[in-house]
Amino acid sequence: MSDNPTPLVPVEGWHVMHLYYSVDHSQWSLLSEAEQRQAKTELSELVQEIRSHKDTQLLIFAVATPKADLGFMLLTPDLHDATHFEKRLTLALGPDVLTPTYSYLSQTERSEYTTTSEQYGKDTLIGEQGMAEGSEEFEAALKEFDERMKH
């Protein structure tokens, strides 16, 4: 068995993990101030690491209900990466500090309202930005748009 499993990447769209946690304040209070500061630093570093991972986005939000304190929305094309990051986020503040309260997995899909490459070139690049069709700048911008629309 390989240490690096074959990526589980959909043909179109990204995996989206919606993760909700409550903070166990009794567990958190058992940590010294220095340990709490270190845990917060490690969580912050993990967030930056995840956000710098290729084709991955991580959103963090406070939850204003009694059911959870903290939420993450993790978007990435590879399900193995999503699972790996989810496990690390759960333990980021220390064992048993973040308690999962709810989570679900979804997948993005292309909207039927997405602008086509041709429309983007004509309306945005030529019409709004004044680029010349066929110029290096135009072709580079169109290629960047096409890459972005793959996800």
N, C-alpha and C. Protein backbone atom coordinates (compact mmCIF):
# COMPACT_ATOMS: atom_id res chain seq x y z
N MET A 1 0.85 -1.18 0.00
CA MET A 1 0.00 0.00 0.00
C MET A 1 0.89 1.24 0.00
N SER A 2 0.56 2.21 -0.80
CA SER A 2 1.34 3.43 -0.94
C SER A 2 1.08 4.39 0.22
N ASP A 3 2.13 5.14 0.59
CA ASP A 3 1.96 6.17 1.62
C ASP A 3 1.18 7.36 1.07
N ASN A 4 1.21 7.53 -0.25
CA ASN A 4 0.51 8.63 -0.90
C ASN A 4 -0.61 8.07 -1.77
N PRO A 5 -1.83 8.01 -1.24
CA PRO A 5 -2.93 7.46 -2.02
C PRO A 5 -3.22 8.31 -3.26
N THR A 6 -3.79 7.69 -4.25
CA THR A 6 -4.18 8.40 -5.46
C THR A 6 -5.18 9.49 -5.08
N PRO A 7 -4.95 10.73 -5.55
CA PRO A 7 -5.87 11.82 -5.21
C PRO A 7 -7.30 11.51 -5.67
N LEU A 8 -8.27 11.88 -4.85
CA LEU A 8 -9.68 11.75 -5.22
C LEU A 8 -10.15 13.12 -5.68
N VAL A 9 -9.95 13.39 -6.97
CA VAL A 9 -10.24 14.70 -7.53
C VAL A 9 -11.39 14.56 -8.53
N PRO A 10 -12.49 15.30 -8.33
CA PRO A 10 -13.59 15.21 -9.28
C PRO A 10 -13.22 15.83 -10.62
N VAL A 11 -13.92 15.42 -11.66
CA VAL A 11 -13.68 15.97 -12.99
C VAL A 11 -14.00 17.46 -12.99
N GLU A 12 -15.05 17.82 -12.28
CA GLU A 12 -15.47 19.22 -12.23
C GLU A 12 -15.88 19.55 -10.80
N GLY A 13 -15.48 20.70 -10.30
CA GLY A 13 -15.87 21.13 -8.97
C GLY A 13 -14.85 20.76 -7.90
N TRP A 14 -15.13 21.23 -6.69
CA TRP A 14 -14.27 20.98 -5.54
C TRP A 14 -15.09 20.34 -4.43
N HIS A 15 -14.39 19.63 -3.55
CA HIS A 15 -15.00 19.13 -2.33
C HIS A 15 -15.08 20.29 -1.34
N VAL A 16 -16.17 20.35 -0.60
CA VAL A 16 -16.36 21.41 0.39
C VAL A 16 -16.73 20.74 1.71
N MET A 17 -15.88 20.93 2.73
CA MET A 17 -16.19 20.42 4.07
C MET A 17 -16.68 21.59 4.91
N HIS A 18 -17.83 21.41 5.51
CA HIS A 18 -18.42 22.40 6.40
C HIS A 18 -18.25 21.82 7.81
N LEU A 19 -17.45 22.47 8.63
CA LEU A 19 -17.07 21.92 9.93
C LEU A 19 -17.47 22.89 11.04
N TYR A 20 -18.20 22.40 12.02
CA TYR A 20 -18.64 23.23 13.14
C TYR A 20 -18.15 22.61 14.45
N TYR A 21 -17.64 23.47 15.33
CA TYR A 21 -17.07 23.00 16.60
C TYR A 21 -17.58 23.85 17.75
N SER A 22 -17.67 23.22 18.91
CA SER A 22 -17.85 23.98 20.15
C SER A 22 -16.52 23.90 20.90
N VAL A 23 -16.23 24.95 21.63
CA VAL A 23 -15.00 24.99 22.42
C VAL A 23 -15.33 24.46 23.81
N ASP A 24 -14.60 23.46 24.24
CA ASP A 24 -14.77 22.92 25.59
C ASP A 24 -13.95 23.81 26.52
N HIS A 25 -14.62 24.76 27.13
CA HIS A 25 -13.92 25.76 27.95
C HIS A 25 -13.26 25.14 29.18
N SER A 26 -13.80 24.05 29.68
CA SER A 26 -13.16 23.40 30.83
C SER A 26 -11.82 22.79 30.40
N GLN A 27 -11.76 22.19 29.23
CA GLN A 27 -10.48 21.65 28.72
C GLN A 27 -9.50 22.79 28.43
N TRP A 28 -10.02 23.87 27.84
CA TRP A 28 -9.18 25.02 27.51
C TRP A 28 -8.59 25.64 28.78
N SER A 29 -9.38 25.70 29.84
CA SER A 29 -8.92 26.33 31.09
C SER A 29 -7.84 25.50 31.79
N LEU A 30 -7.72 24.23 31.44
CA LEU A 30 -6.66 23.40 32.02
C LEU A 30 -5.28 23.75 31.48
N LEU A 31 -5.25 24.45 30.34
CA LEU A 31 -3.98 24.85 29.75
C LEU A 31 -3.48 26.13 30.41
N SER A 32 -2.18 26.24 30.58
CA SER A 32 -1.59 27.48 31.11
C SER A 32 -1.72 28.58 30.06
N GLU A 33 -1.47 29.82 30.47
CA GLU A 33 -1.51 30.93 29.51
C GLU A 33 -0.54 30.70 28.37
N ALA A 34 0.65 30.22 28.69
CA ALA A 34 1.66 29.95 27.65
C ALA A 34 1.19 28.86 26.70
N GLU A 35 0.56 27.82 27.24
CA GLU A 35 0.05 26.73 26.39
C GLU A 35 -1.10 27.21 25.51
N GLN A 36 -1.95 28.07 26.06
CA GLN A 36 -3.05 28.63 25.27
C GLN A 36 -2.50 29.50 24.13
N ARG A 37 -1.51 30.33 24.44
CA ARG A 37 -0.90 31.18 23.43
C ARG A 37 -0.26 30.33 22.33
N GLN A 38 0.44 29.27 22.75
CA GLN A 38 1.08 28.36 21.79
C GLN A 38 0.03 27.67 20.91
N ALA A 39 -1.08 27.24 21.52
CA ALA A 39 -2.14 26.57 20.76
C ALA A 39 -2.75 27.53 19.73
N LYS A 40 -2.98 28.78 20.12
CA LYS A 40 -3.52 29.77 19.19
C LYS A 40 -2.55 30.03 18.04
N THR A 41 -1.26 30.10 18.37
CA THR A 41 -0.24 30.31 17.35
C THR A 41 -0.22 29.14 16.37
N GLU A 42 -0.29 27.93 16.90
CA GLU A 42 -0.27 26.74 16.05
C GLU A 42 -1.51 26.68 15.15
N LEU A 43 -2.67 27.07 15.69
CA LEU A 43 -3.88 27.11 14.86
C LEU A 43 -3.72 28.14 13.74
N SER A 44 -3.20 29.31 14.09
CA SER A 44 -2.98 30.35 13.09
C SER A 44 -2.01 29.88 12.00
N GLU A 45 -0.94 29.21 12.39
CA GLU A 45 0.03 28.69 11.42
C GLU A 45 -0.60 27.61 10.55
N LEU A 46 -1.45 26.77 11.13
CA LEU A 46 -2.14 25.73 10.36
C LEU A 46 -3.08 26.37 9.33
N VAL A 47 -3.80 27.40 9.75
CA VAL A 47 -4.70 28.10 8.83
C VAL A 47 -3.90 28.65 7.65
N GLN A 48 -2.75 29.27 7.92
CA GLN A 48 -1.92 29.81 6.85
C GLN A 48 -1.40 28.70 5.94
N GLU A 49 -1.01 27.57 6.53
CA GLU A 49 -0.53 26.43 5.74
C GLU A 49 -1.63 25.92 4.81
N ILE A 50 -2.82 25.76 5.34
CA ILE A 50 -3.94 25.27 4.52
C ILE A 50 -4.26 26.27 3.41
N ARG A 51 -4.29 27.54 3.75
CA ARG A 51 -4.61 28.57 2.74
C ARG A 51 -3.54 28.66 1.66
N SER A 52 -2.32 28.26 1.96
CA SER A 52 -1.26 28.32 0.95
C SER A 52 -1.16 27.03 0.13
N HIS A 53 -1.94 26.02 0.52
CA HIS A 53 -1.94 24.75 -0.22
C HIS A 53 -2.58 24.97 -1.59
N LYS A 54 -2.01 24.38 -2.61
CA LYS A 54 -2.47 24.59 -3.99
C LYS A 54 -3.98 24.33 -4.12
N ASP A 55 -4.66 25.26 -4.76
CA ASP A 55 -6.09 25.15 -5.07
C ASP A 55 -6.96 24.89 -3.84
N THR A 56 -6.59 25.45 -2.69
CA THR A 56 -7.34 25.21 -1.47
C THR A 56 -7.75 26.54 -0.84
N GLN A 57 -8.96 26.59 -0.33
CA GLN A 57 -9.45 27.77 0.37
C GLN A 57 -9.98 27.35 1.74
N LEU A 58 -9.78 28.20 2.72
CA LEU A 58 -10.30 27.94 4.06
C LEU A 58 -10.93 29.22 4.59
N LEU A 59 -12.19 29.14 4.96
CA LEU A 59 -12.90 30.27 5.55
C LEU A 59 -13.18 29.93 7.00
N ILE A 60 -13.04 30.92 7.87
CA ILE A 60 -13.27 30.73 9.30
C ILE A 60 -14.35 31.70 9.73
N PHE A 61 -15.26 31.23 10.58
CA PHE A 61 -16.30 32.13 11.03
C PHE A 61 -16.76 31.76 12.43
N ALA A 62 -17.22 32.78 13.15
CA ALA A 62 -17.82 32.56 14.47
C ALA A 62 -19.28 32.16 14.25
N VAL A 63 -19.78 31.31 15.11
CA VAL A 63 -21.16 30.86 15.00
C VAL A 63 -21.93 31.45 16.18
N ALA A 64 -22.99 32.15 15.88
CA ALA A 64 -23.75 32.86 16.92
C ALA A 64 -24.98 32.06 17.34
N THR A 65 -24.78 30.82 17.67
CA THR A 65 -25.87 29.98 18.19
C THR A 65 -25.30 29.13 19.32
N PRO A 66 -26.16 28.54 20.13
CA PRO A 66 -25.64 27.68 21.20
C PRO A 66 -25.13 26.33 20.69
N LYS A 67 -25.30 26.04 19.41
CA LYS A 67 -24.91 24.73 18.89
C LYS A 67 -23.43 24.64 18.52
N ALA A 68 -22.78 25.78 18.29
CA ALA A 68 -21.36 25.77 17.92
C ALA A 68 -20.76 27.12 18.23
N ASP A 69 -19.43 27.15 18.34
CA ASP A 69 -18.71 28.40 18.59
C ASP A 69 -17.91 28.85 17.37
N LEU A 70 -17.48 27.88 16.58
CA LEU A 70 -16.51 28.13 15.53
C LEU A 70 -16.86 27.28 14.31
N GLY A 71 -16.66 27.85 13.14
CA GLY A 71 -16.90 27.09 11.91
C GLY A 71 -15.78 27.27 10.92
N PHE A 72 -15.57 26.25 10.12
CA PHE A 72 -14.61 26.30 9.02
C PHE A 72 -15.33 25.82 7.76
N MET A 73 -15.04 26.45 6.64
CA MET A 73 -15.48 25.93 5.36
C MET A 73 -14.21 25.71 4.54
N LEU A 74 -13.93 24.46 4.24
CA LEU A 74 -12.71 24.05 3.57
C LEU A 74 -13.05 23.60 2.16
N LEU A 75 -12.45 24.26 1.15
CA LEU A 75 -12.68 23.91 -0.25
C LEU A 75 -11.37 23.45 -0.86
N THR A 76 -11.37 22.27 -1.46
CA THR A 76 -10.17 21.75 -2.10
C THR A 76 -10.57 20.68 -3.10
N PRO A 77 -9.82 20.52 -4.18
CA PRO A 77 -10.21 19.51 -5.17
C PRO A 77 -9.96 18.07 -4.71
N ASP A 78 -9.02 17.85 -3.79
CA ASP A 78 -8.63 16.49 -3.40
C ASP A 78 -9.28 16.10 -2.06
N LEU A 79 -10.09 15.07 -2.07
CA LEU A 79 -10.78 14.64 -0.85
C LEU A 79 -9.81 14.17 0.22
N HIS A 80 -8.68 13.56 -0.18
CA HIS A 80 -7.68 13.15 0.81
C HIS A 80 -7.12 14.37 1.54
N ASP A 81 -6.84 15.44 0.80
CA ASP A 81 -6.35 16.67 1.44
C ASP A 81 -7.40 17.22 2.40
N ALA A 82 -8.66 17.23 1.98
CA ALA A 82 -9.73 17.75 2.83
C ALA A 82 -9.80 16.98 4.14
N THR A 83 -9.74 15.66 4.06
CA THR A 83 -9.81 14.83 5.26
C THR A 83 -8.60 15.06 6.16
N HIS A 84 -7.42 15.15 5.56
CA HIS A 84 -6.19 15.39 6.31
C HIS A 84 -6.28 16.73 7.06
N PHE A 85 -6.71 17.78 6.37
CA PHE A 85 -6.82 19.09 7.00
C PHE A 85 -7.89 19.10 8.09
N GLU A 86 -8.99 18.40 7.86
CA GLU A 86 -10.06 18.35 8.86
C GLU A 86 -9.56 17.73 10.16
N LYS A 87 -8.80 16.66 10.07
CA LYS A 87 -8.25 16.01 11.28
C LYS A 87 -7.32 16.96 12.03
N ARG A 88 -6.49 17.68 11.28
CA ARG A 88 -5.55 18.60 11.92
C ARG A 88 -6.26 19.79 12.56
N LEU A 89 -7.30 20.31 11.90
CA LEU A 89 -8.06 21.42 12.48
C LEU A 89 -8.73 21.01 13.79
N THR A 90 -9.26 19.79 13.82
CA THR A 90 -9.94 19.30 15.02
C THR A 90 -9.01 19.27 16.23
N LEU A 91 -7.74 18.96 16.00
CA LEU A 91 -6.76 18.85 17.10
C LEU A 91 -5.92 20.11 17.29
N ALA A 92 -6.18 21.14 16.51
CA ALA A 92 -5.30 22.30 16.46
C ALA A 92 -5.13 23.02 17.80
N LEU A 93 -6.15 23.09 18.61
CA LEU A 93 -6.04 23.79 19.90
C LEU A 93 -5.71 22.84 21.04
N GLY A 94 -5.48 21.59 20.73
CA GLY A 94 -5.17 20.59 21.75
C GLY A 94 -6.26 19.54 21.79
N PRO A 95 -5.93 18.38 22.36
CA PRO A 95 -6.90 17.29 22.43
C PRO A 95 -8.15 17.70 23.21
N ASP A 96 -9.29 17.41 22.66
CA ASP A 96 -10.59 17.62 23.32
C ASP A 96 -10.98 19.07 23.56
N VAL A 97 -10.24 20.03 22.99
CA VAL A 97 -10.62 21.43 23.15
C VAL A 97 -11.72 21.78 22.15
N LEU A 98 -11.54 21.39 20.89
CA LEU A 98 -12.58 21.59 19.89
C LEU A 98 -13.38 20.30 19.75
N THR A 99 -14.67 20.40 20.00
CA THR A 99 -15.55 19.24 19.89
C THR A 99 -16.42 19.41 18.64
N PRO A 100 -16.31 18.50 17.69
CA PRO A 100 -17.16 18.62 16.49
C PRO A 100 -18.64 18.53 16.88
N THR A 101 -19.43 19.49 16.41
CA THR A 101 -20.86 19.47 16.70
C THR A 101 -21.68 19.14 15.46
N TYR A 102 -21.15 19.47 14.28
CA TYR A 102 -21.87 19.19 13.05
C TYR A 102 -20.89 19.34 11.90
N SER A 103 -21.06 18.51 10.89
CA SER A 103 -20.25 18.66 9.69
C SER A 103 -20.97 18.00 8.53
N TYR A 104 -20.65 18.45 7.34
CA TYR A 104 -21.14 17.78 6.15
C TYR A 104 -20.21 18.07 5.00
N LEU A 105 -20.29 17.22 3.99
CA LEU A 105 -19.45 17.32 2.81
C LEU A 105 -20.35 17.64 1.62
N SER A 106 -19.94 18.62 0.84
CA SER A 106 -20.67 18.93 -0.38
C SER A 106 -19.66 19.08 -1.51
N GLN A 107 -20.16 19.33 -2.69
CA GLN A 107 -19.26 19.52 -3.82
C GLN A 107 -19.77 20.68 -4.65
N THR A 108 -18.86 21.54 -5.07
CA THR A 108 -19.25 22.66 -5.91
C THR A 108 -19.56 22.12 -7.30
N GLU A 109 -20.32 22.87 -8.04
CA GLU A 109 -20.58 22.51 -9.42
C GLU A 109 -20.63 23.78 -10.25
N ARG A 110 -20.42 23.62 -11.52
CA ARG A 110 -20.42 24.77 -12.41
C ARG A 110 -21.84 25.30 -12.56
N SER A 111 -21.98 26.60 -12.48
CA SER A 111 -23.28 27.23 -12.63
C SER A 111 -23.64 27.36 -14.10
N GLU A 112 -24.92 27.26 -14.40
CA GLU A 112 -25.35 27.47 -15.78
C GLU A 112 -25.25 28.95 -16.16
N TYR A 113 -25.00 29.80 -15.18
CA TYR A 113 -24.88 31.23 -15.43
C TYR A 113 -23.43 31.68 -15.62
N THR A 114 -22.51 30.74 -15.64
CA THR A 114 -21.10 31.08 -15.79
C THR A 114 -20.84 31.72 -17.15
N THR A 115 -20.08 32.77 -17.14
CA THR A 115 -19.67 33.42 -18.37
C THR A 115 -18.78 32.48 -19.17
N THR A 116 -18.99 32.43 -20.47
CA THR A 116 -18.12 31.62 -21.32
C THR A 116 -16.81 32.35 -21.56
N SER A 117 -15.83 31.63 -22.02
CA SER A 117 -14.53 32.22 -22.33
C SER A 117 -14.69 33.31 -23.40
N GLU A 118 -15.52 33.03 -24.38
CA GLU A 118 -15.73 34.00 -25.47
C GLU A 118 -16.39 35.28 -24.94
N GLN A 119 -17.40 35.12 -24.05
CA GLN A 119 -18.07 36.29 -23.48
C GLN A 119 -17.11 37.10 -22.63
N TYR A 120 -16.29 36.41 -21.83
CA TYR A 120 -15.33 37.09 -20.97
C TYR A 120 -14.35 37.89 -21.83
N GLY A 121 -13.85 37.27 -22.89
CA GLY A 121 -12.92 37.96 -23.78
C GLY A 121 -13.53 39.20 -24.39
N LYS A 122 -14.74 39.04 -24.94
CA LYS A 122 -15.39 40.15 -25.64
C LYS A 122 -15.85 41.25 -24.67
N ASP A 123 -16.62 40.85 -23.65
CA ASP A 123 -17.23 41.85 -22.77
C ASP A 123 -16.26 42.46 -21.76
N THR A 124 -15.46 41.63 -21.12
CA THR A 124 -14.60 42.11 -20.04
C THR A 124 -13.24 42.58 -20.55
N LEU A 125 -12.53 41.69 -21.24
CA LEU A 125 -11.16 42.03 -21.63
C LEU A 125 -11.12 43.11 -22.71
N ILE A 126 -11.96 42.98 -23.72
CA ILE A 126 -11.97 43.98 -24.80
C ILE A 126 -12.84 45.17 -24.41
N GLY A 127 -14.11 44.88 -24.03
CA GLY A 127 -15.08 45.94 -23.74
C GLY A 127 -14.76 46.79 -22.53
N GLU A 128 -14.39 46.15 -21.41
CA GLU A 128 -14.17 46.90 -20.17
C GLU A 128 -12.71 47.29 -19.96
N GLN A 129 -11.79 46.39 -20.31
CA GLN A 129 -10.38 46.65 -20.03
C GLN A 129 -9.62 47.17 -21.24
N GLY A 130 -10.25 47.22 -22.39
CA GLY A 130 -9.63 47.79 -23.57
C GLY A 130 -8.46 47.02 -24.15
N MET A 131 -8.40 45.72 -23.89
CA MET A 131 -7.31 44.92 -24.44
C MET A 131 -7.56 44.63 -25.92
N ALA A 132 -6.49 44.45 -26.64
CA ALA A 132 -6.60 44.10 -28.06
C ALA A 132 -6.73 42.59 -28.19
N GLU A 133 -7.74 42.15 -28.94
CA GLU A 133 -7.95 40.72 -29.14
C GLU A 133 -6.71 40.11 -29.79
N GLY A 134 -6.24 39.00 -29.22
CA GLY A 134 -5.08 38.30 -29.77
C GLY A 134 -3.75 38.78 -29.21
N SER A 135 -3.75 39.88 -28.43
CA SER A 135 -2.49 40.37 -27.85
C SER A 135 -2.01 39.39 -26.78
N GLU A 136 -0.74 39.48 -26.42
CA GLU A 136 -0.19 38.61 -25.37
C GLU A 136 -0.95 38.80 -24.06
N GLU A 137 -1.24 40.06 -23.73
CA GLU A 137 -1.96 40.37 -22.50
C GLU A 137 -3.36 39.74 -22.52
N PHE A 138 -4.04 39.85 -23.65
CA PHE A 138 -5.38 39.28 -23.82
C PHE A 138 -5.33 37.77 -23.67
N GLU A 139 -4.40 37.12 -24.36
CA GLU A 139 -4.29 35.65 -24.32
C GLU A 139 -3.95 35.16 -22.91
N ALA A 140 -3.07 35.89 -22.20
CA ALA A 140 -2.70 35.50 -20.83
C ALA A 140 -3.91 35.63 -19.90
N ALA A 141 -4.66 36.72 -20.04
CA ALA A 141 -5.85 36.94 -19.20
C ALA A 141 -6.92 35.89 -19.50
N LEU A 142 -7.08 35.54 -20.76
CA LEU A 142 -8.06 34.52 -21.15
C LEU A 142 -7.67 33.15 -20.62
N LYS A 143 -6.37 32.85 -20.67
CA LYS A 143 -5.88 31.57 -20.15
C LYS A 143 -6.10 31.50 -18.63
N GLU A 144 -5.83 32.60 -17.93
CA GLU A 144 -6.04 32.65 -16.48
C GLU A 144 -7.53 32.44 -16.16
N PHE A 145 -8.41 33.07 -16.93
CA PHE A 145 -9.85 32.89 -16.74
C PHE A 145 -10.25 31.43 -16.93
N ASP A 146 -9.76 30.81 -18.00
CA ASP A 146 -10.08 29.41 -18.28
C ASP A 146 -9.62 28.50 -17.15
N GLU A 147 -8.43 28.74 -16.60
CA GLU A 147 -7.92 27.94 -15.48
C GLU A 147 -8.81 28.11 -14.25
N ARG A 148 -9.19 29.34 -13.98
CA ARG A 148 -10.03 29.64 -12.82
C ARG A 148 -11.40 28.97 -12.96
N MET A 149 -11.94 28.93 -14.16
CA MET A 149 -13.27 28.37 -14.38
C MET A 149 -13.30 26.84 -14.34
N LYS A 150 -12.15 26.21 -14.37
CA LYS A 150 -12.11 24.75 -14.28
C LYS A 150 -12.64 24.28 -12.94
N HIS A 151 -12.58 25.14 -11.93
CA HIS A 151 -12.98 24.76 -10.57
C HIS A 151 -14.29 25.40 -10.25
